Amino acid sequence: MSNLQKEFTTFHNTIKLGTYDENKALRDKRDLLINELSLALKDEKIPGTEIALTFTKIDLGSYAMKTGVVPDGGDYDIDVGVIFNVTRDQYDSHALKKLVFDKLNKQHNRTVEYNRPCITVKYAAGYHVDVAVYCTEGNERYIAWGKQHNKSTHSWWEADPEGLKNWVNNVDSDTERRTQFRRIARYLKKWKGKHFSDSGNIAPPSIGLTIQARNSFIYDQGSDLNALIGVVKGIKSKFLQMWDSESQSFKWSIEQDLPVKPYKNVYYKMTIGQQDVFYKRIDSLLQALEQAINEDSDVETSKILRKVFGKDFPLVEDVRATSVAPYVSTGNNA
């Protein structure tokens, strides 16, 4: 059997993207937008009052959860929340989210999109910032959820962004166990980036993979490959066959609720057909990983894992091919 732990460590160091505190470029891009929004709102008041409309920032997403990877194609996905000093009674969710959208949609060096869970600001420089809008009531947080041009879809959803970060980060009290979990989460994201690049198939959201990885993770000292196999088996086991009336056939379907408020299914955007594709690719991943760990040759194992993760995974050299002394002609006739 082969597990290539040294190569997995090298691979992880290559794909790892640090937290906001560790990565100045990410921190600067996040702060640029937050400072701009703060300046744009400096004269805004809470409706019906003379109280200034203000907000505090909260870091969200994979960098805050310490599971970020260097993105394929250089599109850095930065997640941040803005928690306003208003209650649900003081500000309509659609009105507040539209205000943020309008304030950010005044520059020409980017495009701004109004999405259900957030506002996405895309820059030509190769990164985008997802801004989630919250209000606060005591210790409770509520996220402004809904579509831009359909006010009937809008509402304040009870949410727990701090709780989600803490739930992921506190996977285990032991430092090495937490560190291995984060490596496993990064491997899954790298696999997703390679195998869901085709158009027409929505990739499973990273938060879904992270939640399921945490739910299925069992520490394996000295073998990231074995720990990863356990997680992938856990993900696969959560799929159920459902009847798809459109295709008139059974397809594989999956749901995964957030572990904290608002407890929404994180795969809500994926059609049953896209979930079926997700299952088939998870199944193929599991087969490849099991083939890799059962190989006697480290060379063959590394070749399989490069097909899974891409060229960032180190290729083990075949020592048999490099240890034979080359034939050198002396130029003399026999």
Protein backbone atom coordinates (compact mmCIF):
# COMPACT_ATOMS: atom_id res chain seq x y z
CA MET A 1 0.00 0.00 0.00
CA SER A 2 1.09 3.56 -0.66
CA ASN A 3 -0.01 6.80 0.96
CA LEU A 4 2.64 9.34 -0.19
CA GLN A 5 2.35 11.46 2.97
CA LYS A 6 5.47 13.45 2.07
CA GLU A 7 4.00 14.29 -1.33
CA PHE A 8 0.66 15.22 0.24
CA THR A 9 2.48 17.63 2.56
CA THR A 10 4.26 19.22 -0.41
CA PHE A 11 0.96 19.42 -2.30
CA HIS A 12 -0.77 21.09 0.63
CA ASN A 13 1.96 23.69 1.01
CA THR A 14 1.56 24.50 -2.69
CA ILE A 15 -2.22 24.96 -2.68
CA LYS A 16 -2.68 26.45 0.79
CA LEU A 17 -3.91 30.03 0.97
CA GLY A 18 -3.61 31.61 4.38
CA THR A 19 -6.12 33.54 6.46
CA TYR A 20 -6.73 37.27 6.10
CA ASP A 21 -4.24 37.86 8.89
CA GLU A 22 -1.62 35.82 7.04
CA ASN A 23 -2.24 37.14 3.53
CA LYS A 24 -1.76 40.88 3.03
CA ALA A 25 -3.09 40.88 -0.54
CA LEU A 26 -6.43 39.39 0.53
CA ARG A 27 -6.62 41.68 3.54
CA ASP A 28 -5.94 44.79 1.44
CA LYS A 29 -8.61 43.87 -1.14
CA ARG A 30 -11.17 43.24 1.58
CA ASP A 31 -10.36 46.46 3.42
CA LEU A 32 -10.46 48.54 0.24
CA LEU A 33 -14.11 47.67 -0.34
CA ILE A 34 -15.13 47.92 3.31
CA ASN A 35 -13.52 51.35 3.67
CA GLU A 36 -15.23 52.51 0.49
CA LEU A 37 -18.63 51.36 1.75
CA SER A 38 -18.08 53.04 5.10
CA LEU A 39 -17.23 56.32 3.39
CA ALA A 40 -20.23 56.06 1.02
CA LEU A 41 -22.60 55.60 3.97
CA LYS A 42 -21.17 58.35 6.18
CA ASP A 43 -24.22 60.63 5.77
CA GLU A 44 -26.87 57.88 6.02
CA LYS A 45 -29.27 57.79 8.97
CA ILE A 46 -31.46 55.03 10.36
CA PRO A 47 -34.92 55.78 8.90
CA GLY A 48 -37.00 58.08 11.12
CA THR A 49 -34.05 58.94 13.38
CA GLU A 50 -30.94 61.09 13.50
CA ILE A 51 -28.80 58.09 14.38
CA ALA A 52 -25.98 57.39 11.93
CA LEU A 53 -26.25 54.14 9.98
CA THR A 54 -23.07 52.21 10.76
CA PHE A 55 -21.81 48.66 10.51
CA THR A 56 -19.13 46.34 11.80
CA LYS A 57 -17.20 43.85 9.66
CA ILE A 58 -17.01 40.10 10.11
CA ASP A 59 -14.73 37.83 8.07
CA LEU A 60 -16.50 34.89 6.46
CA GLY A 61 -15.70 32.05 4.09
CA SER A 62 -12.82 29.67 3.64
CA TYR A 63 -10.05 32.11 4.60
CA ALA A 64 -11.77 32.83 7.91
CA MET A 65 -12.26 29.08 8.41
CA LYS A 66 -8.61 28.39 7.53
CA THR A 67 -9.48 26.14 4.59
CA GLY A 68 -8.64 28.47 1.69
CA VAL A 69 -6.82 27.27 -1.45
CA VAL A 70 -4.98 29.13 -4.19
CA PRO A 71 -7.75 29.46 -6.81
CA ASP A 72 -7.50 28.01 -10.28
CA GLY A 73 -7.39 30.86 -12.77
CA GLY A 74 -6.55 33.41 -10.07
CA ASP A 75 -10.15 34.32 -9.14
CA TYR A 76 -9.88 34.98 -5.41
CA ASP A 77 -13.23 34.65 -3.62
CA ILE A 78 -13.27 36.97 -0.60
CA ASP A 79 -16.22 36.68 1.81
CA VAL A 80 -17.13 39.37 4.29
CA GLY A 81 -20.21 40.31 6.29
CA VAL A 82 -21.40 43.80 7.21
CA ILE A 83 -23.51 43.85 10.39
CA PHE A 84 -25.56 47.05 10.62
CA ASN A 85 -26.69 48.76 13.80
CA VAL A 86 -30.37 48.32 12.94
CA THR A 87 -33.15 45.90 13.83
CA ARG A 88 -35.60 44.22 11.46
CA ASP A 89 -38.25 46.75 12.44
CA GLN A 90 -36.00 49.70 11.65
CA TYR A 91 -34.94 48.68 8.14
CA ASP A 92 -36.60 46.56 5.45
CA SER A 93 -34.20 43.82 4.29
CA HIS A 94 -34.63 44.67 0.59
CA ALA A 95 -34.16 48.40 1.19
CA LEU A 96 -30.95 47.98 3.20
CA LYS A 97 -29.43 45.47 0.82
CA LYS A 98 -30.33 47.68 -2.16
CA LEU A 99 -28.71 50.65 -0.42
CA VAL A 100 -25.45 48.70 -0.08
CA PHE A 101 -25.75 47.55 -3.69
CA ASP A 102 -26.27 51.10 -4.96
CA LYS A 103 -23.34 52.48 -2.96
CA LEU A 104 -20.99 49.82 -4.35
CA ASN A 105 -22.29 50.05 -7.92
CA LYS A 106 -20.78 53.43 -8.74
CA GLN A 107 -17.30 52.50 -9.96
CA HIS A 108 -16.30 51.55 -13.50
CA ASN A 109 -13.46 49.15 -12.69
CA ARG A 110 -15.82 46.34 -11.63
CA THR A 111 -19.23 44.75 -11.96
CA VAL A 112 -21.68 44.41 -9.09
CA GLU A 113 -24.25 41.63 -8.84
CA TYR A 114 -27.23 41.37 -6.50
CA ASN A 115 -27.53 37.72 -5.41
CA ARG A 116 -29.86 36.05 -2.95
CA PRO A 117 -27.37 35.59 -0.09
CA CYS A 118 -25.02 38.48 -0.84
CA ILE A 119 -23.80 41.26 -3.11
CA THR A 120 -20.90 40.21 -5.33
CA VAL A 121 -18.34 42.77 -6.48
CA LYS A 122 -16.17 41.47 -9.34
CA TYR A 123 -12.88 43.13 -10.23
CA ALA A 124 -10.98 42.85 -13.50
CA ALA A 125 -7.82 42.23 -11.48
CA GLY A 126 -8.97 38.65 -10.85
CA TYR A 127 -10.86 38.58 -7.59
CA HIS A 128 -14.34 39.17 -6.26
CA VAL A 129 -15.80 40.07 -2.89
CA ASP A 130 -19.07 38.59 -1.62
CA VAL A 131 -20.69 40.98 0.83
CA ALA A 132 -23.43 39.58 3.09
CA VAL A 133 -25.72 42.15 4.74
CA TYR A 134 -26.87 41.61 8.33
CA CYS A 135 -28.88 43.42 10.98
CA THR A 136 -28.57 42.75 14.69
CA GLU A 137 -30.96 42.38 17.61
CA GLY A 138 -29.15 41.79 20.88
CA ASN A 139 -27.02 38.70 20.33
CA GLU A 140 -28.99 37.58 17.28
CA ARG A 141 -27.99 38.18 13.64
CA TYR A 142 -30.28 38.27 10.61
CA ILE A 143 -29.16 38.13 6.97
CA ALA A 144 -30.92 40.06 4.18
CA TRP A 145 -31.97 37.27 1.81
CA GLY A 146 -33.70 37.61 -1.55
CA LYS A 147 -33.55 38.46 -5.23
CA GLN A 148 -32.93 41.94 -6.58
CA HIS A 149 -36.06 42.45 -8.65
CA ASN A 150 -38.47 40.34 -6.62
CA LYS A 151 -39.19 41.99 -3.31
CA SER A 152 -41.59 39.20 -2.34
CA THR A 153 -38.59 36.86 -2.01
CA HIS A 154 -36.93 39.17 0.50
CA SER A 155 -36.86 38.70 4.23
CA TRP A 156 -34.57 38.76 7.22
CA TRP A 157 -33.31 35.22 7.87
CA GLU A 158 -31.98 34.41 11.31
CA ALA A 159 -28.30 33.54 10.88
CA ASP A 160 -25.21 32.73 12.88
CA PRO A 161 -22.09 33.62 10.88
CA GLU A 162 -19.84 33.54 13.95
CA GLY A 163 -21.27 30.19 14.97
CA LEU A 164 -20.55 28.63 11.56
CA LYS A 165 -16.92 29.76 11.68
CA ASN A 166 -16.52 28.44 15.20
CA TRP A 167 -18.20 25.13 14.32
CA VAL A 168 -15.76 24.52 11.47
CA ASN A 169 -12.68 25.79 13.30
CA ASN A 170 -13.41 23.75 16.43
CA VAL A 171 -13.51 20.38 14.67
CA ASP A 172 -11.18 19.02 17.36
CA SER A 173 -9.36 20.31 20.41
CA ASP A 174 -6.10 18.74 19.23
CA THR A 175 -3.99 20.97 16.99
CA GLU A 176 -2.72 18.20 14.70
CA ARG A 177 -6.21 16.78 14.22
CA ARG A 178 -7.55 20.23 13.27
CA THR A 179 -4.62 20.72 10.92
CA GLN A 180 -5.27 17.42 9.13
CA PHE A 181 -8.96 18.27 8.77
CA ARG A 182 -8.05 21.58 7.13
CA ARG A 183 -5.74 19.77 4.74
CA ILE A 184 -8.54 17.36 3.81
CA ALA A 185 -10.93 20.25 3.18
CA ARG A 186 -8.36 21.89 0.92
CA TYR A 187 -7.82 18.68 -1.06
CA LEU A 188 -11.56 18.46 -1.72
CA LYS A 189 -11.66 22.05 -2.94
CA LYS A 190 -8.72 21.43 -5.25
CA TRP A 191 -10.49 18.34 -6.63
CA LYS A 192 -13.65 20.40 -7.15
CA GLY A 193 -11.74 23.08 -9.04
CA LYS A 194 -10.33 20.50 -11.46
CA HIS A 195 -13.43 18.38 -12.03
CA PHE A 196 -16.22 20.98 -12.13
CA SER A 197 -14.73 23.44 -14.59
CA ASP A 198 -17.08 22.39 -17.41
CA SER A 199 -19.98 24.68 -18.21
CA GLY A 200 -23.53 23.58 -17.49
CA ASN A 201 -22.78 21.87 -14.19
CA ILE A 202 -22.93 23.97 -11.04
CA ALA A 203 -20.10 22.92 -8.76
CA PRO A 204 -21.08 21.86 -5.26
CA PRO A 205 -20.47 24.87 -2.99
CA SER A 206 -17.29 24.73 -0.96
CA ILE A 207 -19.18 25.23 2.28
CA GLY A 208 -21.09 22.00 1.54
CA LEU A 209 -17.86 20.05 1.09
CA THR A 210 -16.41 21.63 4.24
CA ILE A 211 -19.46 20.79 6.37
CA GLN A 212 -19.58 17.22 5.11
CA ALA A 213 -15.84 16.83 5.56
CA ARG A 214 -16.18 17.92 9.18
CA ASN A 215 -19.09 15.54 9.73
CA SER A 216 -17.18 12.55 8.30
CA PHE A 217 -13.64 13.37 9.37
CA ILE A 218 -11.74 10.76 11.38
CA TYR A 219 -8.15 11.55 12.21
CA ASP A 220 -5.55 9.23 10.70
CA GLN A 221 -2.05 9.88 11.96
CA GLY A 222 0.45 9.74 9.12
CA SER A 223 -2.00 9.22 6.25
CA ASP A 224 -3.91 12.12 4.72
CA LEU A 225 -4.91 9.75 1.91
CA ASN A 226 -6.65 7.36 4.28
CA ALA A 227 -8.39 10.23 6.12
CA LEU A 228 -9.52 11.66 2.77
CA ILE A 229 -10.95 8.29 1.69
CA GLY A 230 -12.98 8.19 4.91
CA VAL A 231 -14.41 11.65 4.24
CA VAL A 232 -15.27 10.88 0.61
CA LYS A 233 -17.04 7.68 1.70
CA GLY A 234 -19.01 9.79 4.17
CA ILE A 235 -20.06 12.27 1.47
CA LYS A 236 -21.09 9.49 -0.91
CA SER A 237 -23.20 7.81 1.78
CA LYS A 238 -25.39 10.93 2.11
CA PHE A 239 -26.78 10.65 -1.43
CA LEU A 240 -30.22 9.13 -1.94
CA GLN A 241 -31.92 8.02 -5.14
CA MET A 242 -34.90 10.18 -6.06
CA TRP A 243 -37.36 10.02 -8.94
CA ASP A 244 -36.80 12.84 -11.43
CA SER A 245 -40.07 13.58 -13.21
CA GLU A 246 -38.35 15.62 -15.90
CA SER A 247 -36.04 12.84 -17.08
CA GLN A 248 -38.42 10.06 -15.97
CA SER A 249 -35.60 8.26 -14.21
CA PHE A 250 -34.02 7.82 -10.80
CA LYS A 251 -31.17 10.19 -9.99
CA TRP A 252 -28.89 10.67 -7.03
CA SER A 253 -29.83 13.58 -4.78
CA ILE A 254 -28.26 15.16 -1.72
CA GLU A 255 -29.14 17.69 0.95
CA GLN A 256 -26.90 19.23 3.58
CA ASP A 257 -28.25 21.79 6.01
CA LEU A 258 -26.08 24.40 7.65
CA PRO A 259 -25.23 23.28 11.19
CA VAL A 260 -26.29 26.70 12.53
CA LYS A 261 -29.06 29.18 11.79
CA PRO A 262 -30.68 29.53 9.27
CA TYR A 263 -30.18 25.75 8.79
CA LYS A 264 -30.68 26.10 5.01
CA ASN A 265 -29.78 23.34 2.56
CA VAL A 266 -26.44 24.46 1.10
CA TYR A 267 -27.11 22.59 -2.17
CA TYR A 268 -30.29 24.54 -2.89
CA LYS A 269 -28.97 25.93 -6.19
CA MET A 270 -28.20 22.53 -7.69
CA THR A 271 -30.84 20.78 -9.81
CA ILE A 272 -31.37 17.05 -9.31
CA GLY A 273 -29.46 16.49 -12.56
CA GLN A 274 -26.50 18.48 -11.24
CA GLN A 275 -26.65 16.60 -7.95
CA ASP A 276 -26.55 13.36 -9.94
CA VAL A 277 -23.38 14.55 -11.68
CA PHE A 278 -21.94 15.43 -8.25
CA TYR A 279 -22.61 11.86 -7.06
CA LYS A 280 -20.97 10.29 -10.11
CA ARG A 281 -17.86 12.43 -9.68
CA ILE A 282 -17.68 11.69 -5.95
CA ASP A 283 -17.96 7.99 -6.80
CA SER A 284 -15.17 8.32 -9.37
CA LEU A 285 -13.05 10.18 -6.81
CA LEU A 286 -13.52 7.39 -4.27
CA GLN A 287 -12.57 4.73 -6.81
CA ALA A 288 -9.43 6.64 -7.77
CA LEU A 289 -8.36 7.19 -4.16
CA GLU A 290 -8.90 3.53 -3.28
CA GLN A 291 -6.93 2.47 -6.35
CA ALA A 292 -4.15 4.86 -5.33
CA ILE A 293 -3.83 3.60 -1.76
CA ASN A 294 -3.82 -0.05 -2.90
CA GLU A 295 -0.99 0.49 -5.40
CA ASP A 296 2.34 -1.10 -4.54
CA SER A 297 4.19 1.50 -6.61
CA ASP A 298 4.57 5.09 -5.34
CA VAL A 299 5.12 6.09 -8.96
CA GLU A 300 1.72 4.75 -10.03
CA THR A 301 0.05 6.19 -6.93
CA SER A 302 1.37 9.65 -7.75
CA LYS A 303 0.11 9.36 -11.34
CA ILE A 304 -3.38 8.53 -10.12
CA LEU A 305 -3.37 11.41 -7.63
CA ARG A 306 -2.21 13.87 -10.30
CA LYS A 307 -5.29 12.89 -12.33
CA VAL A 308 -7.40 13.59 -9.24
CA PHE A 309 -5.81 16.88 -8.15
CA GLY A 310 -3.89 18.17 -11.15
CA LYS A 311 -0.24 18.95 -11.79
CA ASP A 312 0.29 20.57 -8.38
CA PHE A 313 0.47 17.10 -6.86
CA PRO A 314 4.12 15.92 -7.01
CA LEU A 315 5.01 13.17 -9.46
CA VAL A 316 7.21 10.49 -7.92
CA GLU A 317 10.11 9.63 -10.19
CA ASP A 318 10.63 6.06 -11.32
CA VAL A 319 14.04 5.23 -9.83
CA ARG A 320 14.30 2.17 -12.05
CA ALA A 321 14.29 4.39 -15.11
CA THR A 322 16.87 6.81 -13.71
CA SER A 323 19.28 4.43 -11.96
CA VAL A 324 20.51 2.59 -15.09
CA ALA A 325 23.75 4.03 -16.39
CA PRO A 326 23.27 5.46 -19.90
CA TYR A 327 25.15 3.90 -22.85
CA VAL A 328 27.96 6.13 -24.03
CA SER A 329 29.68 5.44 -27.37
CA THR A 330 33.47 5.61 -27.43
CA GLY A 331 33.51 6.26 -31.14
CA ASN A 332 35.65 3.10 -31.77
CA ASN A 333 34.59 0.35 -34.14
CA ALA A 334 34.25 -3.13 -32.69
